[in-house]
Amino acid sequence: MIEHDRPELAEFWRLARETMEGGGRSAFSFRVEDENTATALGELLRKPIAHPARRQISLARLDEHLRAHGSTLPEVLESVHGRPVGMSTNEEASTADAVLKFALREHGLLQAPWAAEWIEHVRRYGKIPQPALPMIANQAAAILARLQPGRWTTRFALAGNDLDDGRPLTRIVHKALQLMGTDWEGAGVLPDAYRNPVLTSQGYLTLNDTLEAREITVVRSPRLLESGVPGPLMVLPNGLTPQAEHHLDGKIVHCHNDFTPEGIRTTNEILAHTGGSAWRMSAADYREAVATLIARGVELPTLNTRPEAASWDPHLAETMATTGLMVTEEHVLPSLL
C-alpha cells in the first residue's frame, strides 16, 4: 500500500494540485533533493529515481500509476489536502481549449480536419470536470493517434475499463470518430477480444490468440473441417469478420466457397483483403461439379440472381448464369477430400 501523505512527497503533491488547478499544462517539474524523497517517489512511480535530480512529471502518467494502486490523481489530492481539486480561475472555457489543443498537439493531431470541431464539442458538451480534463484529453489523444483501420485492437487493450460505455473518455473518443466519419469498428476497435472467435483447425481463435499456420485455406462450411479436408482450414460461415481479418494478415491464403452469388461475393472480398488465390473455384470446377451431381441424381438449387464477376476467373459468373444452378461446399465435399 502506497502512503500518499508521506512528508517527502508534500511538495510533489502541492505541485500536482497547482498544475491541475491552473489548467493548460499537462506536466510539472519536481526536484528530487535526497534519498528519502527518491525512495518515496520511486515507490509511487514503480521505478528507480536518482537524486539529486529534476523530474518532469506528466499528470496523465501520474494518474496511470495511481490507478494501478487503486486510486486516481484527483482522489489522492483530495485525501492529502483535505479538499477536492478545483479551478483557480474563472476562465474555464479558454483553459479547456488550451488543454485540448495541447493534448492534440502532443500526439500530432492538432491539424486534423476534425480537431477544431472536436475541441468545441468537448469543451461545451463533454461533461468532464475541469481538473480531470488534462488527463482525459491526453488519454483520448493518445488513443486516437494509435488507431489504424484494419489493425484490430479492443477497447480494453487501448485503455482498460476507461473505454467502457458511459465513461467520459469513451464519449469524447467516440465523438472524434464520428467527426472522422467512422465508428469503433471502422477505426479497428472491437468491443472485446472474445466476440465472434474464428473457427480453425487449431480450434476457436480470439484476438488474443495466434494463428500458427503460415498458409491456410479459408472455407465457408464447418463440414469441411469436420470431414477432414486437408488443412489447415479457417471456417467463415458469415464472411470476412474483423477477427478473421486479424488472423489472416500476412498469411498465404487459399479460398473456397459456394458457387452461389453470396459465395462469389465473399470470395472476392477475402481475396481482395488477403491477396490470396481461389482453390477449386474455376468455371471448369463448377461445370464438372454440376455434371457429376446431376448424374448422381442430386437436386441442385436454382440460381435466381446473376453473381458478380469473380476476380479470379472472368468466365465463372457467365457460366453460372447460363447454367442456372447453385453448388454448395457440402455438394462438392467428396471431391475436396
Protein backbone atom coordinates (compact mmCIF):
# COMPACT_ATOMS: atom_id res chain seq x y z
CA MET A 1 0.00 0.00 0.00
CA ILE A 2 1.44 3.38 -1.01
CA GLU A 3 1.37 6.09 1.70
CA HIS A 4 0.44 9.21 -0.24
CA ASP A 5 0.76 11.56 2.75
CA ARG A 6 4.46 10.91 3.37
CA PRO A 7 6.17 14.22 4.22
CA GLU A 8 8.80 13.64 1.50
CA LEU A 9 6.04 13.98 -1.12
CA ALA A 10 4.32 17.08 0.29
CA GLU A 11 5.89 19.41 -2.28
CA PHE A 12 5.24 16.86 -5.03
CA TRP A 13 1.51 16.83 -4.29
CA ARG A 14 1.43 20.63 -3.96
CA LEU A 15 2.87 21.00 -7.47
CA ALA A 16 0.50 18.37 -8.85
CA ARG A 17 -2.52 20.25 -7.45
CA GLU A 18 -1.20 23.60 -8.64
CA THR A 19 -0.75 22.21 -12.15
CA MET A 20 -4.21 20.63 -12.26
CA GLU A 21 -6.00 23.66 -10.87
CA GLY A 22 -4.10 26.05 -13.07
CA GLY A 23 -5.22 24.26 -16.23
CA GLY A 24 -3.46 24.49 -19.58
CA ARG A 25 -0.41 22.48 -18.51
CA SER A 26 -0.21 18.69 -18.52
CA ALA A 27 3.08 18.29 -16.61
CA PHE A 28 5.18 19.83 -13.85
CA SER A 29 8.84 19.80 -12.82
CA PHE A 30 9.85 18.31 -9.45
CA ARG A 31 13.23 18.47 -7.76
CA VAL A 32 14.31 15.23 -6.03
CA GLU A 33 16.63 16.51 -3.32
CA ASP A 34 17.51 13.49 -1.16
CA GLU A 35 17.41 9.72 -0.82
CA ASN A 36 14.17 9.62 1.20
CA THR A 37 12.34 11.63 -1.45
CA ALA A 38 13.83 9.47 -4.21
CA THR A 39 12.67 6.31 -2.40
CA ALA A 40 9.15 7.61 -1.81
CA LEU A 41 8.77 8.81 -5.41
CA GLY A 42 10.25 5.58 -6.75
CA GLU A 43 7.65 3.53 -4.86
CA LEU A 44 4.90 5.73 -6.25
CA LEU A 45 6.12 5.60 -9.87
CA ARG A 46 7.34 2.00 -9.61
CA LYS A 47 10.84 2.70 -10.94
CA PRO A 48 14.23 3.76 -9.59
CA ILE A 49 14.62 7.51 -9.05
CA ALA A 50 18.05 9.15 -8.89
CA HIS A 51 18.94 12.05 -6.60
CA PRO A 52 19.65 14.88 -6.71
CA ALA A 53 17.73 15.21 -9.95
CA ARG A 54 14.87 17.08 -11.57
CA ARG A 55 11.97 15.02 -12.91
CA GLN A 56 9.32 16.08 -15.42
CA ILE A 57 6.03 14.61 -14.20
CA SER A 58 3.15 14.09 -16.64
CA LEU A 59 -0.27 14.38 -14.99
CA ALA A 60 -1.63 11.68 -17.29
CA ARG A 61 1.21 9.27 -16.49
CA LEU A 62 0.95 10.05 -12.77
CA ASP A 63 -2.77 9.28 -12.89
CA GLU A 64 -1.99 5.96 -14.62
CA HIS A 65 0.44 5.00 -11.81
CA LEU A 66 -2.10 5.91 -9.16
CA ARG A 67 -4.82 3.91 -10.91
CA ALA A 68 -2.51 0.88 -10.77
CA HIS A 69 -2.60 1.34 -6.98
CA GLY A 70 -6.40 1.68 -6.95
CA SER A 71 -6.80 5.48 -6.84
CA THR A 72 -6.98 8.45 -9.20
CA LEU A 73 -5.00 11.67 -9.03
CA PRO A 74 -7.98 13.87 -8.00
CA GLU A 75 -8.85 11.34 -5.27
CA VAL A 76 -5.29 11.32 -3.90
CA LEU A 77 -5.06 15.11 -3.89
CA GLU A 78 -8.36 15.38 -2.06
CA SER A 79 -7.15 12.83 0.51
CA VAL A 80 -3.76 14.51 1.01
CA HIS A 81 -5.04 18.09 1.24
CA GLY A 82 -8.50 17.52 2.69
CA ARG A 83 -10.32 19.30 -0.13
CA PRO A 84 -11.37 18.45 -3.71
CA VAL A 85 -9.44 19.74 -6.67
CA GLY A 86 -10.96 22.92 -8.14
CA MET A 87 -10.18 25.58 -10.68
CA SER A 88 -8.34 28.67 -9.52
CA THR A 89 -9.63 30.78 -12.42
CA ASN A 90 -12.99 31.69 -13.90
CA GLU A 91 -11.66 31.39 -17.44
CA GLU A 92 -12.61 27.73 -17.75
CA ALA A 93 -13.54 27.91 -21.42
CA SER A 94 -10.20 29.27 -22.60
CA THR A 95 -8.40 26.91 -20.25
CA ALA A 96 -10.28 23.93 -21.68
CA ASP A 97 -9.40 24.99 -25.21
CA ALA A 98 -5.74 25.25 -24.25
CA VAL A 99 -5.77 21.82 -22.58
CA LEU A 100 -7.43 20.12 -25.55
CA LYS A 101 -5.17 21.81 -28.10
CA PHE A 102 -2.09 20.86 -26.08
CA ALA A 103 -3.19 17.19 -25.94
CA LEU A 104 -3.83 17.02 -29.70
CA ARG A 105 -0.56 18.82 -30.48
CA GLU A 106 1.41 16.40 -28.30
CA HIS A 107 0.12 13.49 -30.41
CA GLY A 108 0.32 15.14 -33.82
CA LEU A 109 -3.43 15.59 -34.26
CA LEU A 110 -3.98 19.33 -33.89
CA GLN A 111 -4.16 19.89 -37.66
CA ALA A 112 -6.57 17.01 -38.27
CA PRO A 113 -9.73 18.11 -40.15
CA TRP A 114 -11.95 17.15 -37.22
CA ALA A 115 -9.82 18.71 -34.45
CA ALA A 116 -11.39 22.18 -34.17
CA GLU A 117 -14.97 20.87 -34.05
CA TRP A 118 -13.94 18.18 -31.54
CA ILE A 119 -12.37 20.77 -29.23
CA GLU A 120 -15.53 22.85 -29.37
CA HIS A 121 -17.76 19.85 -28.66
CA VAL A 122 -15.68 18.53 -25.75
CA ARG A 123 -15.50 21.99 -24.16
CA ARG A 124 -19.25 22.58 -24.47
CA TYR A 125 -20.76 19.13 -24.06
CA GLY A 126 -18.04 16.75 -22.85
CA LYS A 127 -19.22 16.96 -19.20
CA ILE A 128 -15.67 16.41 -17.95
CA PRO A 129 -14.73 18.02 -14.62
CA GLN A 130 -12.13 20.68 -15.32
CA PRO A 131 -9.46 19.21 -13.02
CA ALA A 132 -9.66 15.85 -14.81
CA LEU A 133 -9.61 17.33 -18.32
CA PRO A 134 -5.81 17.38 -18.87
CA MET A 135 -5.52 13.68 -18.08
CA ILE A 136 -8.57 12.57 -20.06
CA ALA A 137 -7.73 14.82 -23.03
CA ASN A 138 -4.20 13.42 -23.18
CA GLN A 139 -5.52 9.87 -22.90
CA ALA A 140 -8.06 10.45 -25.68
CA ALA A 141 -5.46 11.98 -28.00
CA ALA A 142 -3.05 9.10 -27.35
CA ILE A 143 -5.77 6.58 -28.23
CA LEU A 144 -6.81 8.41 -31.39
CA ALA A 145 -3.18 8.59 -32.53
CA ARG A 146 -2.80 4.82 -32.13
CA LEU A 147 -5.82 3.80 -34.19
CA GLN A 148 -5.11 2.13 -37.53
CA PRO A 149 -8.14 0.90 -39.51
CA GLY A 150 -7.66 -2.74 -40.38
CA ARG A 151 -5.22 -3.29 -37.49
CA TRP A 152 -7.62 -4.66 -34.92
CA THR A 153 -7.50 -3.98 -31.21
CA THR A 154 -10.02 -3.74 -28.37
CA ARG A 155 -11.26 -1.02 -26.06
CA PHE A 156 -9.65 -2.78 -23.10
CA ALA A 157 -6.29 -3.04 -24.84
CA LEU A 158 -6.39 0.72 -25.52
CA ALA A 159 -7.45 1.97 -22.09
CA GLY A 160 -8.59 -0.80 -19.76
CA ASN A 161 -12.05 -0.13 -18.33
CA ASP A 162 -11.84 3.59 -19.12
CA LEU A 163 -13.40 2.94 -22.55
CA ASP A 164 -16.46 1.18 -21.15
CA ASP A 165 -19.77 2.68 -22.24
CA GLY A 166 -20.78 5.81 -20.37
CA ARG A 167 -17.25 6.82 -19.32
CA PRO A 168 -16.06 10.36 -20.15
CA LEU A 169 -13.13 9.04 -22.16
CA THR A 170 -15.48 6.85 -24.21
CA ARG A 171 -17.72 9.79 -25.03
CA ILE A 172 -15.01 12.08 -26.35
CA VAL A 173 -13.14 9.38 -28.29
CA HIS A 174 -16.41 8.27 -29.89
CA LYS A 175 -17.21 11.88 -30.80
CA ALA A 176 -13.84 12.17 -32.56
CA LEU A 177 -14.60 9.00 -34.51
CA GLN A 178 -17.98 10.41 -35.55
CA LEU A 179 -16.33 13.60 -36.76
CA MET A 180 -13.91 11.44 -38.79
CA GLY A 181 -16.93 9.79 -40.42
CA THR A 182 -16.36 6.41 -38.83
CA ASP A 183 -17.20 4.35 -35.73
CA TRP A 184 -15.42 1.95 -33.36
CA GLU A 185 -15.26 -0.96 -35.80
CA GLY A 186 -14.37 1.32 -38.71
CA ALA A 187 -11.41 2.55 -36.66
CA GLY A 188 -10.29 -1.01 -35.92
CA VAL A 189 -11.61 -1.22 -32.35
CA LEU A 190 -13.65 -4.23 -31.22
CA PRO A 191 -15.80 -4.33 -28.06
CA ASP A 192 -13.66 -7.16 -26.69
CA ALA A 193 -11.18 -9.82 -27.77
CA TYR A 194 -13.55 -12.76 -27.43
CA ARG A 195 -16.59 -11.80 -29.50
CA ASN A 196 -17.10 -13.85 -32.69
CA PRO A 197 -14.00 -16.07 -32.40
CA VAL A 198 -12.77 -17.70 -35.61
CA LEU A 199 -13.08 -21.46 -36.07
CA THR A 200 -9.87 -23.02 -37.41
CA SER A 201 -8.03 -26.33 -37.39
CA GLN A 202 -6.46 -25.09 -34.13
CA GLY A 203 -9.90 -24.57 -32.59
CA TYR A 204 -11.56 -21.23 -31.94
CA LEU A 205 -9.17 -18.26 -32.02
CA THR A 206 -9.80 -14.89 -30.34
CA LEU A 207 -7.98 -11.64 -30.91
CA ASN A 208 -5.55 -12.66 -28.15
CA ASP A 209 -4.58 -15.92 -29.89
CA THR A 210 -2.11 -16.55 -32.69
CA LEU A 211 -2.80 -18.48 -35.89
CA GLU A 212 0.22 -20.75 -36.16
CA ALA A 213 -0.13 -21.69 -39.84
CA ARG A 214 1.80 -19.72 -42.44
CA GLU A 215 -0.52 -20.94 -45.20
CA ILE A 216 -4.24 -21.56 -44.74
CA THR A 217 -7.36 -22.42 -46.72
CA VAL A 218 -10.48 -20.38 -45.95
CA VAL A 219 -13.83 -22.13 -46.44
CA ARG A 220 -17.50 -21.44 -45.68
CA SER A 221 -18.86 -24.71 -44.26
CA PRO A 222 -17.82 -26.30 -40.93
CA ARG A 223 -18.49 -29.64 -42.64
CA LEU A 224 -15.15 -29.32 -44.44
CA LEU A 225 -13.36 -29.11 -41.13
CA GLU A 226 -15.46 -31.90 -39.64
CA SER A 227 -14.82 -34.18 -42.63
CA GLY A 228 -11.05 -33.76 -42.55
CA VAL A 229 -10.47 -31.73 -45.72
CA PRO A 230 -6.68 -31.20 -45.81
CA GLY A 231 -5.80 -28.06 -43.93
CA PRO A 232 -5.09 -26.04 -42.05
CA LEU A 233 -8.53 -24.52 -42.50
CA MET A 234 -10.37 -21.41 -41.35
CA VAL A 235 -14.17 -21.59 -41.43
CA LEU A 236 -16.03 -18.34 -42.17
CA PRO A 237 -19.77 -19.08 -42.39
CA ASN A 238 -20.54 -15.34 -42.17
CA GLY A 239 -17.85 -13.99 -44.45
CA LEU A 240 -14.79 -11.92 -43.60
CA THR A 241 -15.15 -10.79 -39.98
CA PRO A 242 -12.78 -8.46 -38.10
CA GLN A 243 -11.39 -11.43 -36.16
CA ALA A 244 -10.71 -13.23 -39.45
CA GLU A 245 -9.02 -10.16 -40.95
CA HIS A 246 -6.74 -10.00 -37.93
CA HIS A 247 -5.66 -13.64 -38.18
CA LEU A 248 -5.29 -13.67 -41.97
CA ASP A 249 -2.99 -10.65 -42.15
CA GLY A 250 0.37 -11.73 -43.53
CA LYS A 251 -0.78 -15.28 -44.34
CA ILE A 252 -0.75 -17.15 -47.65
CA VAL A 253 -4.48 -17.65 -48.25
CA HIS A 254 -6.39 -20.05 -50.49
CA CYS A 255 -10.13 -19.65 -50.60
CA HIS A 256 -13.03 -21.99 -51.38
CA ASN A 257 -16.72 -21.18 -51.07
CA ASP A 258 -20.13 -21.95 -52.55
CA PHE A 259 -20.87 -21.47 -56.24
CA THR A 260 -23.62 -19.00 -55.29
CA PRO A 261 -23.91 -15.20 -55.56
CA GLU A 262 -23.00 -14.86 -51.87
CA GLY A 263 -20.14 -17.33 -52.22
CA ILE A 264 -18.65 -15.38 -55.13
CA ARG A 265 -19.05 -12.07 -53.30
CA THR A 266 -17.41 -13.41 -50.14
CA THR A 267 -14.52 -14.97 -52.06
CA ASN A 268 -13.92 -11.69 -53.89
CA GLU A 269 -13.80 -9.88 -50.55
CA ILE A 270 -11.40 -12.35 -48.94
CA LEU A 271 -9.05 -12.39 -51.92
CA ALA A 272 -9.06 -8.60 -52.14
CA HIS A 273 -8.14 -8.32 -48.46
CA THR A 274 -5.50 -11.03 -48.36
CA GLY A 275 -4.09 -11.09 -51.88
CA GLY A 276 -4.82 -14.81 -51.84
CA SER A 277 -5.94 -17.24 -54.53
CA ALA A 278 -9.11 -19.24 -55.20
CA TRP A 279 -8.98 -23.01 -54.73
CA ARG A 280 -11.13 -25.33 -56.86
CA MET A 281 -13.38 -22.38 -57.77
CA SER A 282 -12.94 -22.02 -61.55
CA ALA A 283 -15.64 -22.18 -64.23
CA ALA A 284 -14.29 -25.62 -65.13
CA ASP A 285 -14.63 -26.78 -61.50
CA TYR A 286 -18.21 -25.52 -61.49
CA ARG A 287 -19.14 -27.28 -64.74
CA GLU A 288 -17.57 -30.54 -63.54
CA ALA A 289 -19.42 -30.35 -60.22
CA VAL A 290 -22.79 -29.71 -61.87
CA ALA A 291 -22.34 -32.59 -64.35
CA THR A 292 -21.25 -35.02 -61.63
CA LEU A 293 -24.04 -34.10 -59.24
CA ILE A 294 -26.80 -34.26 -61.87
CA ALA A 295 -25.51 -37.68 -62.97
CA ARG A 296 -25.84 -38.84 -59.36
CA GLY A 297 -29.43 -37.58 -59.13
CA VAL A 298 -28.65 -34.67 -56.79
CA GLU A 299 -31.18 -31.85 -56.92
CA LEU A 300 -29.37 -28.52 -57.09
CA PRO A 301 -30.95 -25.22 -56.04
CA THR A 302 -31.89 -22.79 -58.78
CA LEU A 303 -29.76 -19.72 -59.37
CA ASN A 304 -32.17 -16.76 -59.49
CA THR A 305 -29.64 -13.91 -59.33
CA ARG A 306 -26.61 -13.46 -61.56
CA PRO A 307 -23.44 -13.46 -59.42
CA GLU A 308 -20.94 -10.62 -59.58
CA ALA A 309 -17.82 -11.15 -61.66
CA ALA A 310 -15.30 -13.44 -59.99
CA SER A 311 -11.93 -11.70 -59.69
CA TRP A 312 -10.06 -14.98 -60.23
CA ASP A 313 -11.96 -16.28 -63.27
CA PRO A 314 -13.69 -13.95 -65.78
CA HIS A 315 -15.79 -16.83 -67.15
CA LEU A 316 -17.29 -18.10 -63.89
CA ALA A 317 -20.19 -15.66 -63.50
CA GLU A 318 -21.35 -16.15 -67.10
CA THR A 319 -21.07 -19.93 -66.81
CA MET A 320 -23.16 -19.95 -63.63
CA ALA A 321 -25.77 -17.59 -65.10
CA THR A 322 -26.10 -19.73 -68.24
CA THR A 323 -26.34 -23.00 -66.28
CA GLY A 324 -28.73 -21.58 -63.70
CA LEU A 325 -27.81 -23.84 -60.81
CA MET A 326 -26.04 -23.32 -57.47
CA VAL A 327 -23.49 -25.68 -55.95
CA THR A 328 -22.58 -25.54 -52.26
CA GLU A 329 -19.45 -26.74 -50.49
CA GLU A 330 -21.43 -29.60 -48.98
CA HIS A 331 -22.33 -30.74 -52.52
CA VAL A 332 -18.67 -31.00 -53.58
CA LEU A 333 -17.29 -32.23 -50.27
CA PRO A 334 -16.27 -35.70 -51.53
CA SER A 335 -14.13 -34.19 -54.29
CA LEU A 336 -12.33 -31.91 -51.82
CA LEU A 337 -11.20 -34.71 -49.53
